[in-house]
Amino acid sequence: MKQLILRQKQVIFFIIAGGLSAIVEIGSFKILSIYLPRLFSSEYNLYGIKYPFSNILSTSCGIITNYFLSIWFVFERGKHSKKKEFLYFISVSVVSTFISLIIFQILYHFVYKDVIDLRFYVLSPEMMSKITAILLVSMLNYSIKKKIIFNG
């Protein structure tokens, strides 16, 4: 078991960093989705898109958190300069953000219709959509970041 953990150390650290980044993203989404609609009425529905600003801002918080956790704990520096590495990371993250937003909209509009009461927390359709979108996009992110950005 110990050898398996040592061989999969990078994946385990990626999962931990991703989990912490997801907590930041989900937490900021929860806060933003409560308060932004009070400032912008279109936050509930901007041309059919639900919570666009909350999604973009919370995803940005998650991306920045993930970048720093990735360079500190997960990946070793690749052949790119720090500036180029950061630009690649942000570029991949921007594309991932759009994919995540599309997945969120599909799930919110067509899949998650009811709340799930866990007794200690109630998951709304927007929170279930956000969590699912994060999980799906994180698998893609690991592969791209490992192979292209950090050349691992």
N, C-alpha and C. Protein backbone atom coordinates (compact mmCIF):
# COMPACT_ATOMS: atom_id res chain seq x y z
N MET A 1 0.83 -1.19 0.00
CA MET A 1 0.00 0.00 0.00
C MET A 1 0.87 1.25 0.00
N LYS A 2 1.94 1.22 0.81
CA LYS A 2 2.83 2.37 0.90
C LYS A 2 3.49 2.65 -0.46
N GLN A 3 3.89 1.60 -1.17
CA GLN A 3 4.52 1.77 -2.48
C GLN A 3 3.53 2.34 -3.49
N LEU A 4 2.29 1.92 -3.42
CA LEU A 4 1.26 2.44 -4.30
C LEU A 4 1.07 3.94 -4.06
N ILE A 5 1.03 4.32 -2.81
CA ILE A 5 0.88 5.74 -2.46
C ILE A 5 2.08 6.54 -2.96
N LEU A 6 3.28 6.01 -2.76
CA LEU A 6 4.48 6.72 -3.23
C LEU A 6 4.49 6.86 -4.76
N ARG A 7 4.06 5.83 -5.47
CA ARG A 7 4.02 5.89 -6.94
C ARG A 7 2.95 6.86 -7.43
N GLN A 8 1.89 6.98 -6.68
CA GLN A 8 0.79 7.84 -7.09
C GLN A 8 0.77 9.17 -6.32
N LYS A 9 1.91 9.56 -5.78
CA LYS A 9 2.01 10.77 -4.95
C LYS A 9 1.50 12.00 -5.70
N GLN A 10 1.90 12.15 -6.97
CA GLN A 10 1.49 13.33 -7.73
C GLN A 10 -0.02 13.36 -7.92
N VAL A 11 -0.62 12.22 -8.21
CA VAL A 11 -2.06 12.17 -8.39
C VAL A 11 -2.76 12.50 -7.06
N ILE A 12 -2.25 11.96 -5.98
CA ILE A 12 -2.85 12.23 -4.66
C ILE A 12 -2.75 13.71 -4.33
N PHE A 13 -1.58 14.32 -4.55
CA PHE A 13 -1.43 15.75 -4.30
C PHE A 13 -2.31 16.58 -5.24
N PHE A 14 -2.48 16.13 -6.49
CA PHE A 14 -3.36 16.82 -7.42
C PHE A 14 -4.79 16.78 -6.90
N ILE A 15 -5.21 15.65 -6.40
CA ILE A 15 -6.57 15.51 -5.86
C ILE A 15 -6.75 16.42 -4.65
N ILE A 16 -5.74 16.45 -3.77
CA ILE A 16 -5.82 17.33 -2.59
C ILE A 16 -5.86 18.79 -3.01
N ALA A 17 -4.94 19.19 -3.91
CA ALA A 17 -4.92 20.57 -4.40
C ALA A 17 -6.23 20.91 -5.10
N GLY A 18 -6.71 19.96 -5.90
CA GLY A 18 -7.99 20.18 -6.58
C GLY A 18 -9.15 20.29 -5.60
N GLY A 19 -9.10 19.47 -4.56
CA GLY A 19 -10.15 19.53 -3.54
C GLY A 19 -10.16 20.87 -2.82
N LEU A 20 -8.97 21.34 -2.46
CA LEU A 20 -8.88 22.65 -1.79
C LEU A 20 -9.32 23.77 -2.73
N SER A 21 -8.92 23.67 -3.99
CA SER A 21 -9.34 24.67 -4.98
C SER A 21 -10.85 24.62 -5.19
N ALA A 22 -11.40 23.42 -5.19
CA ALA A 22 -12.85 23.26 -5.35
C ALA A 22 -13.59 23.86 -4.16
N ILE A 23 -13.04 23.70 -2.97
CA ILE A 23 -13.67 24.30 -1.78
C ILE A 23 -13.70 25.82 -1.93
N VAL A 24 -12.57 26.39 -2.40
CA VAL A 24 -12.52 27.84 -2.62
C VAL A 24 -13.55 28.23 -3.69
N GLU A 25 -13.59 27.46 -4.78
CA GLU A 25 -14.51 27.79 -5.88
C GLU A 25 -15.96 27.64 -5.47
N ILE A 26 -16.29 26.54 -4.81
CA ILE A 26 -17.68 26.30 -4.41
C ILE A 26 -18.10 27.30 -3.33
N GLY A 27 -17.21 27.55 -2.38
CA GLY A 27 -17.52 28.52 -1.33
C GLY A 27 -17.75 29.91 -1.88
N SER A 28 -16.86 30.34 -2.78
CA SER A 28 -17.04 31.66 -3.36
C SER A 28 -18.27 31.70 -4.27
N PHE A 29 -18.58 30.59 -4.96
CA PHE A 29 -19.80 30.54 -5.76
C PHE A 29 -21.03 30.69 -4.88
N LYS A 30 -21.04 29.99 -3.76
CA LYS A 30 -22.18 30.06 -2.84
C LYS A 30 -22.39 31.51 -2.38
N ILE A 31 -21.32 32.15 -1.96
CA ILE A 31 -21.41 33.53 -1.48
C ILE A 31 -21.84 34.47 -2.61
N LEU A 32 -21.17 34.34 -3.76
CA LEU A 32 -21.48 35.21 -4.89
C LEU A 32 -22.90 35.00 -5.42
N SER A 33 -23.36 33.74 -5.46
CA SER A 33 -24.70 33.47 -5.98
C SER A 33 -25.79 33.99 -5.05
N ILE A 34 -25.44 34.29 -3.82
CA ILE A 34 -26.40 34.89 -2.89
C ILE A 34 -26.39 36.41 -3.03
N TYR A 35 -25.19 37.00 -3.10
CA TYR A 35 -25.09 38.45 -3.06
C TYR A 35 -25.07 39.15 -4.42
N LEU A 36 -24.52 38.54 -5.45
CA LEU A 36 -24.50 39.21 -6.76
C LEU A 36 -25.89 39.47 -7.35
N PRO A 37 -26.85 38.55 -7.19
CA PRO A 37 -28.19 38.85 -7.73
C PRO A 37 -28.83 40.09 -7.10
N ARG A 38 -28.40 40.45 -5.90
CA ARG A 38 -28.91 41.67 -5.27
C ARG A 38 -28.38 42.92 -5.98
N LEU A 39 -27.18 42.80 -6.57
CA LEU A 39 -26.58 43.91 -7.29
C LEU A 39 -26.94 43.91 -8.77
N PHE A 40 -27.01 42.72 -9.35
CA PHE A 40 -27.31 42.57 -10.77
C PHE A 40 -28.48 41.61 -10.93
N SER A 41 -29.63 42.14 -11.28
CA SER A 41 -30.81 41.28 -11.42
C SER A 41 -30.63 40.28 -12.56
N SER A 42 -29.78 40.60 -13.52
CA SER A 42 -29.55 39.67 -14.64
C SER A 42 -28.73 38.45 -14.24
N GLU A 43 -28.22 38.42 -13.02
CA GLU A 43 -27.44 37.28 -12.55
C GLU A 43 -28.29 36.01 -12.53
N TYR A 44 -29.59 36.15 -12.28
CA TYR A 44 -30.47 34.97 -12.28
C TYR A 44 -30.69 34.43 -13.69
N ASN A 45 -30.64 35.33 -14.68
CA ASN A 45 -30.92 34.89 -16.03
C ASN A 45 -30.42 35.94 -17.02
N LEU A 46 -29.23 35.73 -17.56
CA LEU A 46 -28.65 36.63 -18.55
C LEU A 46 -28.71 35.93 -19.90
N TYR A 47 -29.74 36.23 -20.66
CA TYR A 47 -29.96 35.59 -21.96
C TYR A 47 -30.02 34.07 -21.84
N GLY A 48 -30.67 33.59 -20.80
CA GLY A 48 -30.82 32.15 -20.60
C GLY A 48 -29.69 31.52 -19.80
N ILE A 49 -28.67 32.29 -19.48
CA ILE A 49 -27.54 31.76 -18.71
C ILE A 49 -27.77 32.09 -17.23
N LYS A 50 -27.76 31.06 -16.42
CA LYS A 50 -27.99 31.23 -14.98
C LYS A 50 -26.66 31.45 -14.25
N TYR A 51 -26.61 32.44 -13.40
CA TYR A 51 -25.46 32.76 -12.54
C TYR A 51 -24.15 32.92 -13.33
N PRO A 52 -24.12 33.72 -14.39
CA PRO A 52 -22.89 33.83 -15.18
C PRO A 52 -21.74 34.49 -14.43
N PHE A 53 -22.02 35.59 -13.73
CA PHE A 53 -20.94 36.29 -13.04
C PHE A 53 -20.43 35.52 -11.83
N SER A 54 -21.34 34.90 -11.10
CA SER A 54 -20.95 34.06 -9.96
C SER A 54 -20.06 32.92 -10.42
N ASN A 55 -20.42 32.32 -11.54
CA ASN A 55 -19.63 31.21 -12.08
C ASN A 55 -18.24 31.67 -12.50
N ILE A 56 -18.17 32.75 -13.24
CA ILE A 56 -16.88 33.22 -13.75
C ILE A 56 -15.97 33.67 -12.62
N LEU A 57 -16.51 34.45 -11.68
CA LEU A 57 -15.68 34.94 -10.57
C LEU A 57 -15.23 33.81 -9.65
N SER A 58 -16.14 32.89 -9.34
CA SER A 58 -15.77 31.79 -8.44
C SER A 58 -14.77 30.85 -9.12
N THR A 59 -14.95 30.63 -10.41
CA THR A 59 -14.01 29.79 -11.14
C THR A 59 -12.64 30.44 -11.18
N SER A 60 -12.59 31.76 -11.33
CA SER A 60 -11.32 32.48 -11.30
C SER A 60 -10.61 32.31 -9.96
N CYS A 61 -11.38 32.38 -8.88
CA CYS A 61 -10.79 32.16 -7.54
C CYS A 61 -10.21 30.74 -7.45
N GLY A 62 -10.94 29.78 -7.95
CA GLY A 62 -10.47 28.39 -7.94
C GLY A 62 -9.23 28.19 -8.80
N ILE A 63 -9.17 28.85 -9.95
CA ILE A 63 -8.02 28.74 -10.86
C ILE A 63 -6.75 29.28 -10.21
N ILE A 64 -6.85 30.46 -9.64
CA ILE A 64 -5.68 31.07 -8.99
C ILE A 64 -5.20 30.20 -7.83
N THR A 65 -6.13 29.73 -7.01
CA THR A 65 -5.77 28.84 -5.90
C THR A 65 -5.10 27.58 -6.43
N ASN A 66 -5.66 27.00 -7.48
CA ASN A 66 -5.12 25.77 -8.05
C ASN A 66 -3.73 25.99 -8.64
N TYR A 67 -3.50 27.12 -9.26
CA TYR A 67 -2.18 27.39 -9.84
C TYR A 67 -1.12 27.36 -8.75
N PHE A 68 -1.34 28.10 -7.69
CA PHE A 68 -0.33 28.17 -6.64
C PHE A 68 -0.16 26.83 -5.93
N LEU A 69 -1.23 26.13 -5.66
CA LEU A 69 -1.10 24.81 -5.04
C LEU A 69 -0.38 23.84 -5.98
N SER A 70 -0.65 23.94 -7.28
CA SER A 70 0.00 23.06 -8.26
C SER A 70 1.50 23.28 -8.32
N ILE A 71 1.93 24.54 -8.34
CA ILE A 71 3.37 24.78 -8.44
C ILE A 71 4.08 24.53 -7.12
N TRP A 72 3.37 24.65 -6.01
CA TRP A 72 4.01 24.43 -4.71
C TRP A 72 4.06 22.96 -4.33
N PHE A 73 3.01 22.20 -4.64
CA PHE A 73 2.91 20.85 -4.10
C PHE A 73 2.77 19.72 -5.11
N VAL A 74 2.30 20.00 -6.32
CA VAL A 74 1.93 18.91 -7.22
C VAL A 74 2.97 18.65 -8.30
N PHE A 75 3.21 19.65 -9.13
CA PHE A 75 4.06 19.45 -10.29
C PHE A 75 5.43 20.09 -10.09
N GLU A 76 6.42 19.50 -10.72
CA GLU A 76 7.73 20.12 -10.76
C GLU A 76 7.75 21.04 -11.98
N ARG A 77 8.60 22.02 -11.91
CA ARG A 77 8.70 22.96 -13.02
C ARG A 77 9.09 22.21 -14.29
N GLY A 78 8.46 22.58 -15.39
CA GLY A 78 8.77 21.98 -16.68
C GLY A 78 9.84 22.77 -17.40
N LYS A 79 9.85 22.66 -18.70
CA LYS A 79 10.87 23.32 -19.49
C LYS A 79 10.53 24.78 -19.80
N HIS A 80 9.33 25.21 -19.43
CA HIS A 80 8.90 26.57 -19.72
C HIS A 80 9.36 27.56 -18.66
N SER A 81 9.50 28.82 -19.04
CA SER A 81 9.78 29.87 -18.07
C SER A 81 8.54 30.03 -17.18
N LYS A 82 8.71 30.68 -16.04
CA LYS A 82 7.58 30.88 -15.12
C LYS A 82 6.46 31.66 -15.81
N LYS A 83 6.85 32.67 -16.58
CA LYS A 83 5.85 33.49 -17.27
C LYS A 83 5.07 32.66 -18.29
N LYS A 84 5.78 31.89 -19.10
CA LYS A 84 5.13 31.05 -20.11
C LYS A 84 4.28 29.97 -19.45
N GLU A 85 4.80 29.40 -18.39
CA GLU A 85 4.07 28.37 -17.65
C GLU A 85 2.74 28.94 -17.13
N PHE A 86 2.82 30.13 -16.55
CA PHE A 86 1.61 30.78 -16.02
C PHE A 86 0.63 31.08 -17.14
N LEU A 87 1.12 31.57 -18.27
CA LEU A 87 0.24 31.87 -19.41
C LEU A 87 -0.42 30.60 -19.94
N TYR A 88 0.34 29.51 -20.04
CA TYR A 88 -0.25 28.23 -20.46
C TYR A 88 -1.31 27.76 -19.47
N PHE A 89 -0.97 27.87 -18.20
CA PHE A 89 -1.88 27.44 -17.14
C PHE A 89 -3.19 28.23 -17.23
N ILE A 90 -3.09 29.53 -17.36
CA ILE A 90 -4.28 30.38 -17.45
C ILE A 90 -5.05 30.07 -18.73
N SER A 91 -4.35 29.87 -19.84
CA SER A 91 -5.03 29.55 -21.11
C SER A 91 -5.84 28.26 -21.00
N VAL A 92 -5.21 27.23 -20.46
CA VAL A 92 -5.91 25.96 -20.27
C VAL A 92 -7.09 26.16 -19.32
N SER A 93 -6.88 26.95 -18.29
CA SER A 93 -7.93 27.19 -17.31
C SER A 93 -9.10 27.98 -17.90
N VAL A 94 -8.81 28.92 -18.79
CA VAL A 94 -9.88 29.69 -19.43
C VAL A 94 -10.73 28.76 -20.30
N VAL A 95 -10.08 27.91 -21.09
CA VAL A 95 -10.82 26.94 -21.91
C VAL A 95 -11.63 26.02 -21.00
N SER A 96 -11.01 25.56 -19.92
CA SER A 96 -11.70 24.69 -18.96
C SER A 96 -12.90 25.40 -18.34
N THR A 97 -12.74 26.70 -18.10
CA THR A 97 -13.83 27.48 -17.52
C THR A 97 -15.03 27.50 -18.46
N PHE A 98 -14.79 27.71 -19.74
CA PHE A 98 -15.89 27.70 -20.70
C PHE A 98 -16.56 26.32 -20.76
N ILE A 99 -15.75 25.29 -20.73
CA ILE A 99 -16.31 23.93 -20.73
C ILE A 99 -17.14 23.72 -19.46
N SER A 100 -16.61 24.18 -18.34
CA SER A 100 -17.32 24.05 -17.07
C SER A 100 -18.63 24.83 -17.08
N LEU A 101 -18.61 26.03 -17.65
CA LEU A 101 -19.83 26.83 -17.73
C LEU A 101 -20.89 26.15 -18.59
N ILE A 102 -20.46 25.55 -19.68
CA ILE A 102 -21.41 24.84 -20.56
C ILE A 102 -21.99 23.63 -19.83
N ILE A 103 -21.12 22.87 -19.16
CA ILE A 103 -21.60 21.71 -18.40
C ILE A 103 -22.56 22.16 -17.31
N PHE A 104 -22.20 23.25 -16.61
CA PHE A 104 -23.08 23.78 -15.55
C PHE A 104 -24.46 24.10 -16.11
N GLN A 105 -24.51 24.80 -17.24
CA GLN A 105 -25.79 25.20 -17.82
C GLN A 105 -26.62 23.98 -18.21
N ILE A 106 -25.99 23.00 -18.82
CA ILE A 106 -26.70 21.78 -19.23
C ILE A 106 -27.27 21.07 -18.00
N LEU A 107 -26.43 20.90 -16.98
CA LEU A 107 -26.87 20.21 -15.77
C LEU A 107 -27.97 21.00 -15.06
N TYR A 108 -27.79 22.31 -14.97
CA TYR A 108 -28.77 23.15 -14.26
C TYR A 108 -30.12 23.15 -14.97
N HIS A 109 -30.11 23.23 -16.29
CA HIS A 109 -31.35 23.31 -17.05
C HIS A 109 -32.04 21.97 -17.26
N PHE A 110 -31.26 20.89 -17.38
CA PHE A 110 -31.85 19.63 -17.81
C PHE A 110 -31.71 18.45 -16.84
N VAL A 111 -30.76 18.50 -15.92
CA VAL A 111 -30.51 17.32 -15.09
C VAL A 111 -30.99 17.51 -13.65
N TYR A 112 -30.45 18.50 -12.98
CA TYR A 112 -30.78 18.69 -11.56
C TYR A 112 -31.97 19.62 -11.42
N LYS A 113 -33.09 19.05 -11.02
CA LYS A 113 -34.33 19.83 -10.90
C LYS A 113 -34.75 20.03 -9.44
N ASP A 114 -34.39 19.09 -8.58
CA ASP A 114 -34.83 19.14 -7.18
C ASP A 114 -33.64 19.31 -6.25
N VAL A 115 -33.93 19.76 -5.05
CA VAL A 115 -32.90 19.86 -4.03
C VAL A 115 -32.67 18.49 -3.40
N ILE A 116 -31.49 18.29 -2.86
CA ILE A 116 -31.18 17.06 -2.14
C ILE A 116 -30.89 17.46 -0.70
N ASP A 117 -31.69 16.95 0.21
CA ASP A 117 -31.53 17.26 1.62
C ASP A 117 -30.63 16.20 2.27
N LEU A 118 -29.45 16.62 2.69
CA LEU A 118 -28.51 15.71 3.33
C LEU A 118 -28.62 15.76 4.86
N ARG A 119 -29.63 16.41 5.35
CA ARG A 119 -29.91 16.64 6.77
C ARG A 119 -29.02 17.72 7.36
N PHE A 120 -27.73 17.70 7.05
CA PHE A 120 -26.83 18.72 7.58
C PHE A 120 -26.60 19.83 6.56
N TYR A 121 -27.00 19.60 5.31
CA TYR A 121 -26.84 20.60 4.25
C TYR A 121 -27.81 20.25 3.12
N VAL A 122 -28.37 21.29 2.52
CA VAL A 122 -29.29 21.09 1.40
C VAL A 122 -28.57 21.50 0.12
N LEU A 123 -28.47 20.54 -0.81
CA LEU A 123 -27.83 20.81 -2.09
C LEU A 123 -28.88 21.30 -3.09
N SER A 124 -28.70 22.54 -3.53
CA SER A 124 -29.61 23.12 -4.53
C SER A 124 -29.19 22.66 -5.92
N PRO A 125 -30.05 22.81 -6.90
CA PRO A 125 -29.68 22.44 -8.27
C PRO A 125 -28.43 23.17 -8.77
N GLU A 126 -28.27 24.45 -8.39
CA GLU A 126 -27.08 25.16 -8.85
C GLU A 126 -25.81 24.64 -8.19
N MET A 127 -25.88 24.25 -6.93
CA MET A 127 -24.69 23.70 -6.26
C MET A 127 -24.34 22.32 -6.80
N MET A 128 -25.34 21.48 -7.05
CA MET A 128 -25.07 20.16 -7.61
C MET A 128 -24.48 20.29 -9.02
N SER A 129 -24.98 21.24 -9.79
CA SER A 129 -24.45 21.47 -11.13
C SER A 129 -23.01 21.95 -11.07
N LYS A 130 -22.71 22.84 -10.15
CA LYS A 130 -21.35 23.37 -10.00
C LYS A 130 -20.37 22.27 -9.58
N ILE A 131 -20.74 21.48 -8.61
CA ILE A 131 -19.87 20.42 -8.11
C ILE A 131 -19.60 19.38 -9.21
N THR A 132 -20.64 18.99 -9.93
CA THR A 132 -20.47 18.00 -11.00
C THR A 132 -19.58 18.55 -12.11
N ALA A 133 -19.78 19.81 -12.48
CA ALA A 133 -18.96 20.43 -13.54
C ALA A 133 -17.49 20.47 -13.11
N ILE A 134 -17.23 20.80 -11.86
CA ILE A 134 -15.84 20.83 -11.36
C ILE A 134 -15.21 19.45 -11.46
N LEU A 135 -15.93 18.42 -11.04
CA LEU A 135 -15.38 17.06 -11.07
C LEU A 135 -15.06 16.61 -12.49
N LEU A 136 -15.95 16.88 -13.42
CA LEU A 136 -15.72 16.46 -14.80
C LEU A 136 -14.54 17.20 -15.43
N VAL A 137 -14.47 18.49 -15.23
CA VAL A 137 -13.40 19.29 -15.85
C VAL A 137 -12.04 19.02 -15.19
N SER A 138 -12.04 18.65 -13.93
CA SER A 138 -10.76 18.42 -13.25
C SER A 138 -9.99 17.23 -13.84
N MET A 139 -10.70 16.24 -14.34
CA MET A 139 -10.02 15.10 -14.98
C MET A 139 -9.29 15.54 -16.24
N LEU A 140 -9.93 16.37 -17.02
CA LEU A 140 -9.31 16.92 -18.22
C LEU A 140 -8.12 17.80 -17.86
N ASN A 141 -8.29 18.62 -16.84
CA ASN A 141 -7.22 19.53 -16.42
C ASN A 141 -5.95 18.81 -16.00
N TYR A 142 -6.09 17.72 -15.25
CA TYR A 142 -4.90 17.00 -14.80
C TYR A 142 -4.08 16.53 -15.98
N SER A 143 -4.74 15.91 -16.94
CA SER A 143 -4.02 15.37 -18.10
C SER A 143 -3.30 16.48 -18.87
N ILE A 144 -3.99 17.55 -19.14
CA ILE A 144 -3.39 18.64 -19.92
C ILE A 144 -2.26 19.32 -19.16
N LYS A 145 -2.49 19.59 -17.89
CA LYS A 145 -1.46 20.28 -17.11
C LYS A 145 -0.22 19.43 -16.92
N LYS A 146 -0.40 18.15 -16.73
CA LYS A 146 0.74 17.25 -16.54
C LYS A 146 1.54 17.10 -17.84
N LYS A 147 0.86 16.89 -18.94
CA LYS A 147 1.55 16.59 -20.20
C LYS A 147 2.08 17.82 -20.92
N ILE A 148 1.34 18.91 -20.88
CA ILE A 148 1.72 20.08 -21.69
C ILE A 148 2.42 21.16 -20.86
N ILE A 149 1.84 21.54 -19.75
CA ILE A 149 2.37 22.68 -19.01
C ILE A 149 3.60 22.30 -18.18
N PHE A 150 3.47 21.24 -17.40
CA PHE A 150 4.58 20.89 -16.50
C PHE A 150 5.42 19.75 -17.03
N ASN A 151 5.11 19.25 -18.21
CA ASN A 151 5.91 18.23 -18.89
C ASN A 151 6.29 17.05 -18.01
N GLY A 152 5.32 16.57 -17.22
CA GLY A 152 5.65 15.49 -16.31
C GLY A 152 5.38 14.20 -16.90
